[in-house]
Amino acid sequence: RKYKAILSLIVVFTIFFLSFYLSKRDARELERYGKKIKGVIYEKAWTKRGTRIRCYFFIGLTEYKTGDQVYLPQSKKLFVGDSADIIYSSRNPKINKIVKEN
């Protein structure tokens, strides 16, 4: 029993640490290698936390999409097809973030 409790604590601590580390890693990646580009909103949905917006953008001929990003109610004036500013990592464009809605 004692070993199960200790093992459970280790697993919980490890999961917490990894999730914290990965979020900080992406932020550092964008600080170091981030480039700004225009994207287009292709999906907008409402959740309990706010408005979820997804965008796509092109680097060369390759299309990339942003993940789920939730915004506050000021996003009510945005619609599918509007443009938004996106920061992406030049090393790994899959690491990206919507920084400003136009």
N, C-alpha and C. Protein backbone atom coordinates (compact mmCIF):
# COMPACT_ATOMS: atom_id res chain seq x y z
N ARG A 1 0.83 -1.19 0.00
CA ARG A 1 0.00 0.00 0.00
C ARG A 1 0.87 1.26 0.00
N LYS A 2 1.88 1.24 0.81
CA LYS A 2 2.74 2.41 0.92
C LYS A 2 3.43 2.69 -0.41
N TYR A 3 3.85 1.63 -1.10
CA TYR A 3 4.53 1.80 -2.38
C TYR A 3 3.57 2.33 -3.45
N LYS A 4 2.31 1.91 -3.41
CA LYS A 4 1.33 2.40 -4.37
C LYS A 4 1.09 3.90 -4.17
N ALA A 5 1.02 4.33 -2.94
CA ALA A 5 0.81 5.75 -2.66
C ALA A 5 2.00 6.58 -3.13
N ILE A 6 3.19 6.09 -2.86
CA ILE A 6 4.39 6.80 -3.30
C ILE A 6 4.47 6.83 -4.82
N LEU A 7 4.17 5.73 -5.46
CA LEU A 7 4.20 5.65 -6.92
C LEU A 7 3.14 6.60 -7.52
N SER A 8 1.97 6.66 -6.92
CA SER A 8 0.92 7.56 -7.39
C SER A 8 1.36 9.02 -7.29
N LEU A 9 2.01 9.38 -6.19
CA LEU A 9 2.50 10.75 -6.04
C LEU A 9 3.57 11.08 -7.07
N ILE A 10 4.43 10.13 -7.34
CA ILE A 10 5.48 10.34 -8.34
C ILE A 10 4.86 10.55 -9.72
N VAL A 11 3.87 9.75 -10.06
CA VAL A 11 3.21 9.88 -11.36
C VAL A 11 2.51 11.24 -11.48
N VAL A 12 1.79 11.64 -10.46
CA VAL A 12 1.09 12.92 -10.49
C VAL A 12 2.08 14.07 -10.60
N PHE A 13 3.15 14.03 -9.83
CA PHE A 13 4.17 15.07 -9.89
C PHE A 13 4.81 15.13 -11.27
N THR A 14 5.11 13.99 -11.86
CA THR A 14 5.74 13.93 -13.17
C THR A 14 4.83 14.52 -14.24
N ILE A 15 3.55 14.19 -14.21
CA ILE A 15 2.61 14.72 -15.19
C ILE A 15 2.49 16.24 -15.05
N PHE A 16 2.40 16.72 -13.81
CA PHE A 16 2.32 18.16 -13.58
C PHE A 16 3.57 18.86 -14.10
N PHE A 17 4.74 18.32 -13.78
CA PHE A 17 6.00 18.92 -14.20
C PHE A 17 6.11 18.95 -15.72
N LEU A 18 5.75 17.86 -16.39
CA LEU A 18 5.86 17.80 -17.85
C LEU A 18 4.91 18.79 -18.52
N SER A 19 3.70 18.90 -18.02
CA SER A 19 2.76 19.85 -18.64
C SER A 19 3.26 21.29 -18.46
N PHE A 20 3.78 21.61 -17.29
CA PHE A 20 4.33 22.94 -17.04
C PHE A 20 5.54 23.20 -17.94
N TYR A 21 6.43 22.23 -18.02
CA TYR A 21 7.64 22.37 -18.84
C TYR A 21 7.30 22.56 -20.31
N LEU A 22 6.36 21.77 -20.84
CA LEU A 22 6.03 21.87 -22.26
C LEU A 22 5.40 23.22 -22.60
N SER A 23 4.58 23.75 -21.72
CA SER A 23 3.99 25.06 -22.01
C SER A 23 5.06 26.15 -22.00
N LYS A 24 5.99 26.08 -21.08
CA LYS A 24 7.08 27.07 -21.03
C LYS A 24 8.03 26.90 -22.21
N ARG A 25 8.25 25.66 -22.63
CA ARG A 25 9.14 25.40 -23.76
C ARG A 25 8.61 26.06 -25.02
N ASP A 26 7.30 25.94 -25.26
CA ASP A 26 6.70 26.56 -26.44
C ASP A 26 6.81 28.08 -26.38
N ALA A 27 6.59 28.66 -25.21
CA ALA A 27 6.71 30.11 -25.06
C ALA A 27 8.14 30.57 -25.34
N ARG A 28 9.13 29.84 -24.84
CA ARG A 28 10.54 30.19 -25.11
C ARG A 28 10.87 30.05 -26.59
N GLU A 29 10.33 29.01 -27.20
CA GLU A 29 10.56 28.79 -28.64
C GLU A 29 10.04 29.98 -29.45
N LEU A 30 8.85 30.48 -29.09
CA LEU A 30 8.29 31.62 -29.81
C LEU A 30 9.06 32.90 -29.53
N GLU A 31 9.57 33.06 -28.33
CA GLU A 31 10.39 34.24 -28.01
C GLU A 31 11.67 34.26 -28.82
N ARG A 32 12.31 33.12 -28.95
CA ARG A 32 13.60 33.05 -29.64
C ARG A 32 13.47 33.04 -31.16
N TYR A 33 12.54 32.24 -31.67
CA TYR A 33 12.48 32.01 -33.12
C TYR A 33 11.15 32.45 -33.73
N GLY A 34 10.38 33.26 -33.03
CA GLY A 34 9.06 33.65 -33.51
C GLY A 34 9.10 34.63 -34.67
N LYS A 35 8.22 34.40 -35.61
CA LYS A 35 8.02 35.31 -36.74
C LYS A 35 6.53 35.59 -36.86
N LYS A 36 6.22 36.81 -37.23
CA LYS A 36 4.81 37.20 -37.35
C LYS A 36 4.33 37.01 -38.78
N ILE A 37 3.09 36.56 -38.90
CA ILE A 37 2.49 36.33 -40.21
C ILE A 37 0.98 36.55 -40.09
N LYS A 38 0.33 36.83 -41.19
CA LYS A 38 -1.13 36.97 -41.21
C LYS A 38 -1.76 35.60 -41.44
N GLY A 39 -2.86 35.37 -40.74
CA GLY A 39 -3.61 34.14 -40.92
C GLY A 39 -5.07 34.46 -41.14
N VAL A 40 -5.85 33.44 -41.46
CA VAL A 40 -7.28 33.61 -41.73
C VAL A 40 -8.06 32.73 -40.76
N ILE A 41 -9.08 33.30 -40.14
CA ILE A 41 -9.92 32.54 -39.22
C ILE A 41 -10.79 31.58 -40.03
N TYR A 42 -10.72 30.28 -39.69
CA TYR A 42 -11.55 29.31 -40.40
C TYR A 42 -12.59 28.65 -39.50
N GLU A 43 -12.49 28.88 -38.20
CA GLU A 43 -13.49 28.30 -37.29
C GLU A 43 -13.65 29.20 -36.08
N LYS A 44 -14.88 29.36 -35.67
CA LYS A 44 -15.18 30.14 -34.48
C LYS A 44 -16.30 29.43 -33.73
N ALA A 45 -16.09 29.21 -32.45
CA ALA A 45 -17.09 28.52 -31.64
C ALA A 45 -17.12 29.14 -30.26
N TRP A 46 -18.23 29.00 -29.57
CA TRP A 46 -18.38 29.54 -28.24
C TRP A 46 -18.29 28.42 -27.22
N THR A 47 -17.51 28.67 -26.16
CA THR A 47 -17.37 27.71 -25.07
C THR A 47 -17.71 28.41 -23.76
N LYS A 48 -17.67 27.67 -22.68
CA LYS A 48 -17.94 28.27 -21.37
C LYS A 48 -16.87 29.28 -20.99
N ARG A 49 -15.63 29.08 -21.49
CA ARG A 49 -14.52 29.97 -21.14
C ARG A 49 -14.43 31.20 -22.02
N GLY A 50 -15.07 31.19 -23.16
CA GLY A 50 -14.99 32.32 -24.07
C GLY A 50 -15.16 31.86 -25.50
N THR A 51 -14.62 32.62 -26.42
CA THR A 51 -14.72 32.31 -27.84
C THR A 51 -13.48 31.54 -28.29
N ARG A 52 -13.69 30.40 -28.94
CA ARG A 52 -12.57 29.61 -29.47
C ARG A 52 -12.39 29.96 -30.94
N ILE A 53 -11.17 30.30 -31.29
CA ILE A 53 -10.86 30.69 -32.66
C ILE A 53 -9.73 29.81 -33.18
N ARG A 54 -9.87 29.37 -34.42
CA ARG A 54 -8.80 28.64 -35.09
C ARG A 54 -8.49 29.35 -36.40
N CYS A 55 -7.19 29.42 -36.72
CA CYS A 55 -6.74 30.08 -37.94
C CYS A 55 -5.87 29.14 -38.75
N TYR A 56 -5.73 29.45 -40.03
CA TYR A 56 -4.73 28.78 -40.84
C TYR A 56 -3.82 29.84 -41.45
N PHE A 57 -2.60 29.42 -41.77
CA PHE A 57 -1.64 30.32 -42.40
C PHE A 57 -0.72 29.51 -43.29
N PHE A 58 -0.09 30.19 -44.23
CA PHE A 58 0.79 29.52 -45.19
C PHE A 58 2.21 30.00 -45.03
N ILE A 59 3.14 29.06 -45.08
CA ILE A 59 4.56 29.36 -45.18
C ILE A 59 5.01 28.68 -46.46
N GLY A 60 5.31 29.48 -47.46
CA GLY A 60 5.55 28.91 -48.79
C GLY A 60 4.25 28.31 -49.29
N LEU A 61 4.29 27.06 -49.68
CA LEU A 61 3.08 26.39 -50.15
C LEU A 61 2.48 25.46 -49.10
N THR A 62 3.05 25.48 -47.89
CA THR A 62 2.59 24.58 -46.83
C THR A 62 1.58 25.30 -45.94
N GLU A 63 0.45 24.64 -45.69
CA GLU A 63 -0.58 25.20 -44.83
C GLU A 63 -0.40 24.69 -43.41
N TYR A 64 -0.53 25.58 -42.43
CA TYR A 64 -0.48 25.23 -41.01
C TYR A 64 -1.74 25.76 -40.35
N LYS A 65 -2.12 25.11 -39.26
CA LYS A 65 -3.31 25.54 -38.53
C LYS A 65 -2.95 25.75 -37.06
N THR A 66 -3.59 26.75 -36.45
CA THR A 66 -3.40 26.98 -35.03
C THR A 66 -4.26 26.00 -34.25
N GLY A 67 -3.87 25.75 -33.01
CA GLY A 67 -4.68 24.90 -32.15
C GLY A 67 -5.84 25.68 -31.57
N ASP A 68 -6.57 25.08 -30.66
CA ASP A 68 -7.66 25.78 -29.99
C ASP A 68 -7.09 26.90 -29.14
N GLN A 69 -7.60 28.08 -29.34
CA GLN A 69 -7.20 29.22 -28.52
C GLN A 69 -8.46 29.96 -28.12
N VAL A 70 -8.61 30.20 -26.84
CA VAL A 70 -9.83 30.80 -26.32
C VAL A 70 -9.60 32.28 -26.03
N TYR A 71 -10.53 33.10 -26.45
CA TYR A 71 -10.44 34.54 -26.27
C TYR A 71 -11.65 35.05 -25.52
N LEU A 72 -11.51 36.23 -24.99
CA LEU A 72 -12.57 36.85 -24.22
C LEU A 72 -13.64 37.43 -25.15
N PRO A 73 -14.72 37.94 -24.60
CA PRO A 73 -15.85 38.40 -25.43
C PRO A 73 -15.54 39.45 -26.50
N GLN A 74 -14.39 40.12 -26.45
CA GLN A 74 -14.12 41.13 -27.49
C GLN A 74 -14.01 40.48 -28.87
N SER A 75 -13.91 39.16 -28.91
CA SER A 75 -13.82 38.47 -30.19
C SER A 75 -15.17 38.34 -30.89
N LYS A 76 -16.22 38.90 -30.31
CA LYS A 76 -17.55 38.79 -30.91
C LYS A 76 -17.63 39.48 -32.26
N LYS A 77 -16.77 40.46 -32.49
CA LYS A 77 -16.81 41.17 -33.76
C LYS A 77 -16.03 40.47 -34.87
N LEU A 78 -15.42 39.33 -34.57
CA LEU A 78 -14.67 38.57 -35.57
C LEU A 78 -15.54 37.49 -36.19
N PHE A 79 -15.28 37.23 -37.45
CA PHE A 79 -16.05 36.22 -38.16
C PHE A 79 -15.11 35.33 -38.97
N VAL A 80 -15.62 34.20 -39.40
CA VAL A 80 -14.85 33.31 -40.25
C VAL A 80 -14.49 34.08 -41.52
N GLY A 81 -13.23 33.99 -41.91
CA GLY A 81 -12.74 34.71 -43.08
C GLY A 81 -11.96 35.97 -42.74
N ASP A 82 -12.08 36.46 -41.50
CA ASP A 82 -11.31 37.63 -41.07
C ASP A 82 -9.84 37.25 -40.89
N SER A 83 -8.96 38.25 -40.89
CA SER A 83 -7.54 37.98 -40.71
C SER A 83 -7.13 38.16 -39.25
N ALA A 84 -6.03 37.52 -38.88
CA ALA A 84 -5.47 37.62 -37.53
C ALA A 84 -3.96 37.52 -37.63
N ASP A 85 -3.25 38.16 -36.69
CA ASP A 85 -1.79 38.05 -36.63
C ASP A 85 -1.42 36.79 -35.84
N ILE A 86 -0.46 36.06 -36.36
CA ILE A 86 -0.01 34.81 -35.74
C ILE A 86 1.50 34.87 -35.60
N ILE A 87 2.00 34.41 -34.46
CA ILE A 87 3.44 34.21 -34.30
C ILE A 87 3.69 32.71 -34.38
N TYR A 88 4.66 32.33 -35.20
CA TYR A 88 5.02 30.91 -35.33
C TYR A 88 6.53 30.77 -35.18
N SER A 89 6.96 29.59 -34.81
CA SER A 89 8.39 29.32 -34.69
C SER A 89 8.97 29.02 -36.06
N SER A 90 10.05 29.69 -36.42
CA SER A 90 10.69 29.43 -37.71
C SER A 90 11.33 28.05 -37.74
N ARG A 91 11.63 27.49 -36.58
CA ARG A 91 12.20 26.14 -36.51
C ARG A 91 11.12 25.07 -36.59
N ASN A 92 9.95 25.34 -36.01
CA ASN A 92 8.86 24.37 -35.99
C ASN A 92 7.54 25.14 -36.07
N PRO A 93 7.01 25.35 -37.28
CA PRO A 93 5.80 26.15 -37.44
C PRO A 93 4.56 25.59 -36.72
N LYS A 94 4.62 24.33 -36.30
CA LYS A 94 3.49 23.77 -35.57
C LYS A 94 3.36 24.40 -34.18
N ILE A 95 4.42 25.06 -33.72
CA ILE A 95 4.36 25.85 -32.48
C ILE A 95 3.97 27.26 -32.90
N ASN A 96 2.74 27.65 -32.57
CA ASN A 96 2.24 28.95 -33.02
C ASN A 96 1.21 29.47 -32.04
N LYS A 97 0.88 30.74 -32.22
CA LYS A 97 -0.05 31.38 -31.29
C LYS A 97 -0.68 32.58 -31.98
N ILE A 98 -1.99 32.74 -31.83
CA ILE A 98 -2.66 33.93 -32.35
C ILE A 98 -2.38 35.06 -31.37
N VAL A 99 -1.83 36.16 -31.86
CA VAL A 99 -1.46 37.25 -30.94
C VAL A 99 -2.36 38.46 -31.05
N LYS A 100 -3.02 38.64 -32.17
CA LYS A 100 -3.88 39.82 -32.32
C LYS A 100 -4.92 39.55 -33.38
N GLU A 101 -6.13 39.91 -33.04
CA GLU A 101 -7.20 39.85 -34.05
C GLU A 101 -7.30 41.21 -34.68
N ASN A 102 -7.47 41.24 -36.00
CA ASN A 102 -7.58 42.52 -36.71
C ASN A 102 -9.03 42.92 -36.85
